[in-house]
Amino acid sequence: MKIALQYLNDANGNTQAVQLPLTEWEKVIGKLRKYEQALKLKSDLEEAFSQVALLKQKKNKQTLKEFLNEL
Protein backbone atom coordinates (compact mmCIF):
# COMPACT_ATOMS: atom_id res chain seq x y z
CA MET A 1 0.00 0.00 0.00
CA LYS A 2 1.69 3.16 -1.21
CA ILE A 3 0.45 6.31 0.50
CA ALA A 4 1.19 9.87 -0.62
CA LEU A 5 2.53 11.43 2.56
CA GLN A 6 3.37 15.09 3.18
CA TYR A 7 5.79 16.03 5.90
CA LEU A 8 5.51 19.29 7.84
CA ASN A 9 8.77 20.74 9.10
CA ASP A 10 9.54 23.53 11.53
CA ALA A 11 11.84 26.45 10.76
CA ASN A 12 14.87 24.28 11.59
CA GLY A 13 13.82 21.54 9.17
CA ASN A 14 12.73 19.09 11.87
CA THR A 15 9.71 16.99 10.94
CA GLN A 16 6.78 17.94 13.17
CA ALA A 17 3.85 16.17 11.53
CA VAL A 18 2.79 13.92 8.69
CA GLN A 19 -0.28 14.43 6.53
CA LEU A 20 -2.01 11.84 4.41
CA PRO A 21 -5.19 11.91 2.34
CA LEU A 22 -8.39 11.31 4.30
CA THR A 23 -9.27 8.22 2.25
CA GLU A 24 -5.92 6.68 3.13
CA TRP A 25 -6.38 7.59 6.81
CA GLU A 26 -9.77 5.87 6.84
CA LYS A 27 -8.18 2.73 5.34
CA VAL A 28 -5.47 2.77 8.02
CA ILE A 29 -8.06 3.20 10.79
CA GLY A 30 -10.16 0.37 9.32
CA LYS A 31 -7.19 -1.99 9.35
CA LEU A 32 -6.28 -0.92 12.87
CA ARG A 33 -9.81 -1.72 14.09
CA LYS A 34 -9.64 -5.18 12.49
CA TYR A 35 -6.27 -5.85 14.17
CA GLU A 36 -7.67 -4.66 17.51
CA GLN A 37 -10.67 -7.00 17.15
CA ALA A 38 -8.38 -9.92 16.28
CA LEU A 39 -6.15 -9.14 19.26
CA LYS A 40 -9.18 -8.97 21.58
CA LEU A 41 -10.45 -12.29 20.27
CA LYS A 42 -7.02 -13.86 20.77
CA SER A 43 -6.85 -12.51 24.31
CA ASP A 44 -10.36 -13.76 25.11
CA LEU A 45 -9.55 -17.22 23.75
CA GLU A 46 -6.32 -17.41 25.76
CA GLU A 47 -8.27 -16.51 28.91
CA ALA A 48 -10.94 -19.11 28.13
CA PHE A 49 -8.38 -21.86 27.56
CA SER A 50 -6.62 -20.87 30.76
CA GLN A 51 -9.88 -21.19 32.69
CA VAL A 52 -10.63 -24.56 31.10
CA ALA A 53 -7.17 -25.80 32.11
CA LEU A 54 -7.79 -24.70 35.70
CA LEU A 55 -11.17 -26.43 35.75
CA LYS A 56 -9.61 -29.65 34.45
CA GLN A 57 -7.17 -29.59 37.38
CA LYS A 58 -9.93 -29.12 39.92
CA LYS A 59 -10.49 -32.22 42.06
CA ASN A 60 -14.11 -31.67 43.07
CA LYS A 61 -15.69 -31.59 39.65
CA GLN A 62 -19.32 -30.65 39.29
CA THR A 63 -21.65 -32.26 36.79
CA LEU A 64 -23.75 -30.16 34.46
CA LYS A 65 -26.88 -31.34 36.24
CA GLU A 66 -25.48 -30.18 39.62
CA PHE A 67 -24.51 -26.85 38.14
CA LEU A 68 -27.96 -26.30 36.63
CA ASN A 69 -29.66 -27.30 39.89
CA GLU A 70 -27.79 -24.50 41.65
CA LEU A 71 -29.32 -21.92 39.34
PDB file of N, CA and C in Angstrom:
ATOM      1  N   MET A   1       0.853  -1.173   0.000  1.00  0.00           N
ATOM      2  CA  MET A   1       0.000   0.000   0.000  1.00  0.00           C
ATOM      3  C   MET A   1       0.894   1.230   0.000  1.00  0.00           C
ATOM      4  N   LYS A   2       0.881   1.947  -1.090  1.00  0.00           N
ATOM      5  CA  LYS A   2       1.690   3.164  -1.210  1.00  0.00           C
ATOM      6  C   LYS A   2       0.806   4.364  -0.905  1.00  0.00           C
ATOM      7  N   ILE A   3       1.236   5.166   0.048  1.00  0.00           N
ATOM      8  CA  ILE A   3       0.452   6.313   0.496  1.00  0.00           C
ATOM      9  C   ILE A   3       1.243   7.580   0.199  1.00  0.00           C
ATOM     10  N   ALA A   4       0.561   8.572  -0.349  1.00  0.00           N
ATOM     11  CA  ALA A   4       1.193   9.869  -0.618  1.00  0.00           C
ATOM     12  C   ALA A   4       1.224  10.674   0.674  1.00  0.00           C
ATOM     13  N   LEU A   5       2.388  10.712   1.303  1.00  0.00           N
ATOM     14  CA  LEU A   5       2.534  11.428   2.564  1.00  0.00           C
ATOM     15  C   LEU A   5       3.124  12.803   2.326  1.00  0.00           C
ATOM     16  N   GLN A   6       2.764  13.762   3.175  1.00  0.00           N
ATOM     17  CA  GLN A   6       3.365  15.086   3.176  1.00  0.00           C
ATOM     18  C   GLN A   6       3.918  15.325   4.576  1.00  0.00           C
ATOM     19  N   TYR A   7       5.151  15.781   4.623  1.00  0.00           N
ATOM     20  CA  TYR A   7       5.795  16.031   5.901  1.00  0.00           C
ATOM     21  C   TYR A   7       5.795  17.526   6.188  1.00  0.00           C
ATOM     22  N   LEU A   8       5.487  17.896   7.407  1.00  0.00           N
ATOM     23  CA  LEU A   8       5.508  19.292   7.836  1.00  0.00           C
ATOM     24  C   LEU A   8       6.727  19.499   8.723  1.00  0.00           C
ATOM     25  N   ASN A   9       7.530  20.468   8.362  1.00  0.00           N
ATOM     26  CA  ASN A   9       8.766  20.736   9.097  1.00  0.00           C
ATOM     27  C   ASN A   9       8.699  22.099   9.765  1.00  0.00           C
ATOM     28  N   ASP A  10       9.443  22.239  10.869  1.00  0.00           N
ATOM     29  CA  ASP A  10       9.537  23.533  11.525  1.00  0.00           C
ATOM     30  C   ASP A  10      10.607  24.376  10.823  1.00  0.00           C
ATOM     31  N   ALA A  11      10.874  25.528  11.376  1.00  0.00           N
ATOM     32  CA  ALA A  11      11.837  26.454  10.763  1.00  0.00           C
ATOM     33  C   ALA A  11      13.243  25.860  10.694  1.00  0.00           C
ATOM     34  N   ASN A  12      13.549  24.907  11.567  1.00  0.00           N
ATOM     35  CA  ASN A  12      14.875  24.276  11.586  1.00  0.00           C
ATOM     36  C   ASN A  12      14.943  23.041  10.693  1.00  0.00           C
ATOM     37  N   GLY A  13      13.837  22.706  10.051  1.00  0.00           N
ATOM     38  CA  GLY A  13      13.821  21.541   9.169  1.00  0.00           C
ATOM     39  C   GLY A  13      13.474  20.236   9.862  1.00  0.00           C
ATOM     40  N   ASN A  14      13.119  20.297  11.124  1.00  0.00           N
ATOM     41  CA  ASN A  14      12.731  19.089  11.870  1.00  0.00           C
ATOM     42  C   ASN A  14      11.285  18.720  11.549  1.00  0.00           C
ATOM     43  N   THR A  15      11.058  17.453  11.247  1.00  0.00           N
ATOM     44  CA  THR A  15       9.713  16.993  10.940  1.00  0.00           C
ATOM     45  C   THR A  15       8.844  17.082  12.190  1.00  0.00           C
ATOM     46  N   GLN A  16       7.698  17.745  12.054  1.00  0.00           N
ATOM     47  CA  GLN A  16       6.782  17.942  13.172  1.00  0.00           C
ATOM     48  C   GLN A  16       5.483  17.156  13.013  1.00  0.00           C
ATOM     49  N   ALA A  17       5.123  16.869  11.764  1.00  0.00           N
ATOM     50  CA  ALA A  17       3.854  16.166  11.533  1.00  0.00           C
ATOM     51  C   ALA A  17       3.888  15.508  10.157  1.00  0.00           C
ATOM     52  N   VAL A  18       2.945  14.604   9.973  1.00  0.00           N
ATOM     53  CA  VAL A  18       2.788  13.921   8.694  1.00  0.00           C
ATOM     54  C   VAL A  18       1.325  14.035   8.295  1.00  0.00           C
ATOM     55  N   GLN A  19       1.084  14.360   7.043  1.00  0.00           N
ATOM     56  CA  GLN A  19      -0.283  14.426   6.531  1.00  0.00           C
ATOM     57  C   GLN A  19      -0.465  13.339   5.488  1.00  0.00           C
ATOM     58  N   LEU A  20      -1.666  12.787   5.446  1.00  0.00           N
ATOM     59  CA  LEU A  20      -2.006  11.840   4.407  1.00  0.00           C
ATOM     60  C   LEU A  20      -3.449  12.085   3.996  1.00  0.00           C
ATOM     61  N   PRO A  21      -3.815  11.692   2.788  1.00  0.00           N
ATOM     62  CA  PRO A  21      -5.189  11.907   2.337  1.00  0.00           C
ATOM     63  C   PRO A  21      -6.189  11.219   3.256  1.00  0.00           C
ATOM     64  N   LEU A  22      -7.358  11.826   3.401  1.00  0.00           N
ATOM     65  CA  LEU A  22      -8.389  11.311   4.301  1.00  0.00           C
ATOM     66  C   LEU A  22      -8.797   9.890   3.935  1.00  0.00           C
ATOM     67  N   THR A  23      -8.891   9.584   2.658  1.00  0.00           N
ATOM     68  CA  THR A  23      -9.273   8.225   2.254  1.00  0.00           C
ATOM     69  C   THR A  23      -8.250   7.210   2.724  1.00  0.00           C
ATOM     70  N   GLU A  24      -6.979   7.583   2.655  1.00  0.00           N
ATOM     71  CA  GLU A  24      -5.921   6.681   3.133  1.00  0.00           C
ATOM     72  C   GLU A  24      -5.984   6.531   4.648  1.00  0.00           C
ATOM     73  N   TRP A  25      -6.251   7.634   5.354  1.00  0.00           N
ATOM     74  CA  TRP A  25      -6.379   7.592   6.813  1.00  0.00           C
ATOM     75  C   TRP A  25      -7.508   6.648   7.221  1.00  0.00           C
ATOM     76  N   GLU A  26      -8.634   6.733   6.523  1.00  0.00           N
ATOM     77  CA  GLU A  26      -9.769   5.865   6.840  1.00  0.00           C
ATOM     78  C   GLU A  26      -9.421   4.394   6.601  1.00  0.00           C
ATOM     79  N   LYS A  27      -8.618   4.109   5.583  1.00  0.00           N
ATOM     80  CA  LYS A  27      -8.178   2.732   5.345  1.00  0.00           C
ATOM     81  C   LYS A  27      -7.284   2.249   6.487  1.00  0.00           C
ATOM     82  N   VAL A  28      -6.377   3.122   6.919  1.00  0.00           N
ATOM     83  CA  VAL A  28      -5.470   2.769   8.016  1.00  0.00           C
ATOM     84  C   VAL A  28      -6.268   2.505   9.291  1.00  0.00           C
ATOM     85  N   ILE A  29      -7.227   3.371   9.590  1.00  0.00           N
ATOM     86  CA  ILE A  29      -8.056   3.200  10.790  1.00  0.00           C
ATOM     87  C   ILE A  29      -8.875   1.910  10.690  1.00  0.00           C
ATOM     88  N   GLY A  30      -9.400   1.608   9.505  1.00  0.00           N
ATOM     89  CA  GLY A  30     -10.159   0.369   9.316  1.00  0.00           C
ATOM     90  C   GLY A  30      -9.315  -0.858   9.598  1.00  0.00           C
ATOM     91  N   LYS A  31      -8.090  -0.858   9.088  1.00  0.00           N
ATOM     92  CA  LYS A  31      -7.188  -1.992   9.346  1.00  0.00           C
ATOM     93  C   LYS A  31      -6.837  -2.083  10.825  1.00  0.00           C
ATOM     94  N   LEU A  32      -6.599  -0.934  11.444  1.00  0.00           N
ATOM     95  CA  LEU A  32      -6.278  -0.921  12.874  1.00  0.00           C
ATOM     96  C   LEU A  32      -7.415  -1.525  13.690  1.00  0.00           C
ATOM     97  N   ARG A  33      -8.651  -1.171  13.357  1.00  0.00           N
ATOM     98  CA  ARG A  33      -9.806  -1.724  14.088  1.00  0.00           C
ATOM     99  C   ARG A  33      -9.892  -3.241  13.920  1.00  0.00           C
ATOM    100  N   LYS A  34      -9.611  -3.726  12.711  1.00  0.00           N
ATOM    101  CA  LYS A  34      -9.636  -5.180  12.492  1.00  0.00           C
ATOM    102  C   LYS A  34      -8.556  -5.868  13.317  1.00  0.00           C
ATOM    103  N   TYR A  35      -7.359  -5.274  13.368  1.00  0.00           N
ATOM    104  CA  TYR A  35      -6.275  -5.848  14.171  1.00  0.00           C
ATOM    105  C   TYR A  35      -6.633  -5.823  15.654  1.00  0.00           C
ATOM    106  N   GLU A  36      -7.264  -4.742  16.106  1.00  0.00           N
ATOM    107  CA  GLU A  36      -7.671  -4.665  17.513  1.00  0.00           C
ATOM    108  C   GLU A  36      -8.708  -5.737  17.843  1.00  0.00           C
ATOM    109  N   GLN A  37      -9.660  -5.966  16.930  1.00  0.00           N
ATOM    110  CA  GLN A  37     -10.668  -7.004  17.147  1.00  0.00           C
ATOM    111  C   GLN A  37     -10.017  -8.387  17.202  1.00  0.00           C
ATOM    112  N   ALA A  38      -9.070  -8.630  16.298  1.00  0.00           N
ATOM    113  CA  ALA A  38      -8.385  -9.920  16.281  1.00  0.00           C
ATOM    114  C   ALA A  38      -7.583 -10.113  17.566  1.00  0.00           C
ATOM    115  N   LEU A  39      -6.931  -9.061  18.025  1.00  0.00           N
ATOM    116  CA  LEU A  39      -6.152  -9.142  19.260  1.00  0.00           C
ATOM    117  C   LEU A  39      -7.060  -9.390  20.462  1.00  0.00           C
ATOM    118  N   LYS A  40      -8.216  -8.755  20.491  1.00  0.00           N
ATOM    119  CA  LYS A  40      -9.180  -8.969  21.583  1.00  0.00           C
ATOM    120  C   LYS A  40      -9.683 -10.404  21.569  1.00  0.00           C
ATOM    121  N   LEU A  41      -9.997 -10.908  20.384  1.00  0.00           N
ATOM    122  CA  LEU A  41     -10.454 -12.293  20.267  1.00  0.00           C
ATOM    123  C   LEU A  41      -9.376 -13.256  20.746  1.00  0.00           C
ATOM    124  N   LYS A  42      -8.139 -13.013  20.345  1.00  0.00           N
ATOM    125  CA  LYS A  42      -7.022 -13.860  20.770  1.00  0.00           C
ATOM    126  C   LYS A  42      -6.882 -13.835  22.294  1.00  0.00           C
ATOM    127  N   SER A  43      -6.969 -12.650  22.860  1.00  0.00           N
ATOM    128  CA  SER A  43      -6.853 -12.506  24.312  1.00  0.00           C
ATOM    129  C   SER A  43      -7.995 -13.232  25.023  1.00  0.00           C
ATOM    130  N   ASP A  44      -9.214 -13.086  24.509  1.00  0.00           N
ATOM    131  CA  ASP A  44     -10.360 -13.760  25.113  1.00  0.00           C
ATOM    132  C   ASP A  44     -10.218 -15.281  25.034  1.00  0.00           C
ATOM    133  N   LEU A  45      -9.735 -15.776  23.899  1.00  0.00           N
ATOM    134  CA  LEU A  45      -9.553 -17.221  23.753  1.00  0.00           C
ATOM    135  C   LEU A  45      -8.464 -17.740  24.693  1.00  0.00           C
ATOM    136  N   GLU A  46      -7.383 -16.992  24.830  1.00  0.00           N
ATOM    137  CA  GLU A  46      -6.325 -17.409  25.759  1.00  0.00           C
ATOM    138  C   GLU A  46      -6.864 -17.490  27.185  1.00  0.00           C
ATOM    139  N   GLU A  47      -7.674 -16.510  27.572  1.00  0.00           N
ATOM    140  CA  GLU A  47      -8.267 -16.514  28.913  1.00  0.00           C
ATOM    141  C   GLU A  47      -9.208 -17.706  29.081  1.00  0.00           C
ATOM    142  N   ALA A  48     -10.010 -17.986  28.058  1.00  0.00           N
ATOM    143  CA  ALA A  48     -10.944 -19.110  28.132  1.00  0.00           C
ATOM    144  C   ALA A  48     -10.197 -20.433  28.263  1.00  0.00           C
ATOM    145  N   PHE A  49      -9.156 -20.622  27.470  1.00  0.00           N
ATOM    146  CA  PHE A  49      -8.380 -21.862  27.556  1.00  0.00           C
ATOM    147  C   PHE A  49      -7.680 -21.983  28.906  1.00  0.00           C
ATOM    148  N   SER A  50      -7.245 -20.862  29.439  1.00  0.00           N
ATOM    149  CA  SER A  50      -6.621 -20.869  30.763  1.00  0.00           C
ATOM    150  C   SER A  50      -7.628 -21.308  31.817  1.00  0.00           C
ATOM    151  N   GLN A  51      -8.844 -20.808  31.737  1.00  0.00           N
ATOM    152  CA  GLN A  51      -9.883 -21.188  32.690  1.00  0.00           C
ATOM    153  C   GLN A  51     -10.258 -22.660  32.550  1.00  0.00           C
ATOM    154  N   VAL A  52     -10.319 -23.138  31.326  1.00  0.00           N
ATOM    155  CA  VAL A  52     -10.627 -24.561  31.099  1.00  0.00           C
ATOM    156  C   VAL A  52      -9.537 -25.429  31.715  1.00  0.00           C
ATOM    157  N   ALA A  53      -8.280 -25.030  31.540  1.00  0.00           N
ATOM    158  CA  ALA A  53      -7.171 -25.801  32.109  1.00  0.00           C
ATOM    159  C   ALA A  53      -7.273 -25.843  33.634  1.00  0.00           C
ATOM    160  N   LEU A  54      -7.633 -24.723  34.237  1.00  0.00           N
ATOM    161  CA  LEU A  54      -7.794 -24.697  35.696  1.00  0.00           C
ATOM    162  C   LEU A  54      -8.946 -25.602  36.139  1.00  0.00           C
ATOM    163  N   LEU A  55     -10.035 -25.580  35.394  1.00  0.00           N
ATOM    164  CA  LEU A  55     -11.171 -26.434  35.745  1.00  0.00           C
ATOM    165  C   LEU A  55     -10.827 -27.914  35.610  1.00  0.00           C
ATOM    166  N   LYS A  56     -10.006 -28.252  34.629  1.00  0.00           N
ATOM    167  CA  LYS A  56      -9.606 -29.650  34.453  1.00  0.00           C
ATOM    168  C   LYS A  56      -8.758 -30.136  35.619  1.00  0.00           C
ATOM    169  N   GLN A  57      -8.023 -29.221  36.255  1.00  0.00           N
ATOM    170  CA  GLN A  57      -7.168 -29.591  37.378  1.00  0.00           C
ATOM    171  C   GLN A  57      -7.958 -29.700  38.682  1.00  0.00           C
ATOM    172  N   LYS A  58      -9.123 -29.129  38.705  1.00  0.00           N
ATOM    173  CA  LYS A  58      -9.935 -29.118  39.922  1.00  0.00           C
ATOM    174  C   LYS A  58     -10.337 -30.539  40.305  1.00  0.00           C
ATOM    175  N   LYS A  59     -10.208 -30.860  41.597  1.00  0.00           N
ATOM    176  CA  LYS A  59     -10.491 -32.222  42.057  1.00  0.00           C
ATOM    177  C   LYS A  59     -11.976 -32.463  42.264  1.00  0.00           C
ATOM    178  N   ASN A  60     -12.684 -31.506  42.813  1.00  0.00           N
ATOM    179  CA  ASN A  60     -14.115 -31.675  43.070  1.00  0.00           C
ATOM    180  C   ASN A  60     -14.892 -31.171  41.868  1.00  0.00           C
ATOM    181  N   LYS A  61     -14.999 -31.997  40.866  1.00  0.00           N
ATOM    182  CA  LYS A  61     -15.687 -31.588  39.649  1.00  0.00           C
ATOM    183  C   LYS A  61     -17.190 -31.654  39.848  1.00  0.00           C
ATOM    184  N   GLN A  62     -17.873 -30.755  39.180  1.00  0.00           N
ATOM    185  CA  GLN A  62     -19.317 -30.652  39.290  1.00  0.00           C
ATOM    186  C   GLN A  62     -19.938 -31.068  37.950  1.00  0.00           C
ATOM    187  N   THR A  63     -20.972 -31.855  38.027  1.00  0.00           N
ATOM    188  CA  THR A  63     -21.647 -32.264  36.791  1.00  0.00           C
ATOM    189  C   THR A  63     -22.505 -31.100  36.290  1.00  0.00           C
ATOM    190  N   LEU A  64     -22.886 -31.188  35.032  1.00  0.00           N
ATOM    191  CA  LEU A  64     -23.748 -30.157  34.460  1.00  0.00           C
ATOM    192  C   LEU A  64     -25.084 -30.120  35.189  1.00  0.00           C
ATOM    193  N   LYS A  65     -25.590 -31.268  35.536  1.00  0.00           N
ATOM    194  CA  LYS A  65     -26.880 -31.341  36.237  1.00  0.00           C
ATOM    195  C   LYS A  65     -26.773 -30.626  37.594  1.00  0.00           C
ATOM    196  N   GLU A  66     -25.676 -30.850  38.318  1.00  0.00           N
ATOM    197  CA  GLU A  66     -25.479 -30.183  39.616  1.00  0.00           C
ATOM    198  C   GLU A  66     -25.383 -28.672  39.434  1.00  0.00           C
ATOM    199  N   PHE A  67     -24.668 -28.278  38.414  1.00  0.00           N
ATOM    200  CA  PHE A  67     -24.512 -26.850  38.139  1.00  0.00           C
ATOM    201  C   PHE A  67     -25.869 -26.215  37.847  1.00  0.00           C
ATOM    202  N   LEU A  68     -26.665 -26.848  36.999  1.00  0.00           N
ATOM    203  CA  LEU A  68     -27.965 -26.301  36.633  1.00  0.00           C
ATOM    204  C   LEU A  68     -28.920 -26.294  37.812  1.00  0.00           C
ATOM    205  N   ASN A  69     -28.813 -27.265  38.695  1.00  0.00           N
ATOM    206  CA  ASN A  69     -29.665 -27.296  39.885  1.00  0.00           C
ATOM    207  C   ASN A  69     -29.371 -26.134  40.828  1.00  0.00           C
ATOM    208  N   GLU A  70     -28.144 -25.624  40.806  1.00  0.00           N
ATOM    209  CA  GLU A  70     -27.787 -24.503  41.647  1.00  0.00           C
ATOM    210  C   GLU A  70     -28.391 -23.190  41.163  1.00  0.00           C
ATOM    211  N   LEU A  71     -28.753 -23.159  39.899  1.00  0.00           N
ATOM    212  CA  LEU A  71     -29.317 -21.923  39.337  1.00  0.00           C
ATOM    213  C   LEU A  71     -30.695 -21.723  39.782  1.00  0.00           C
TER     214      LEU A  71
END
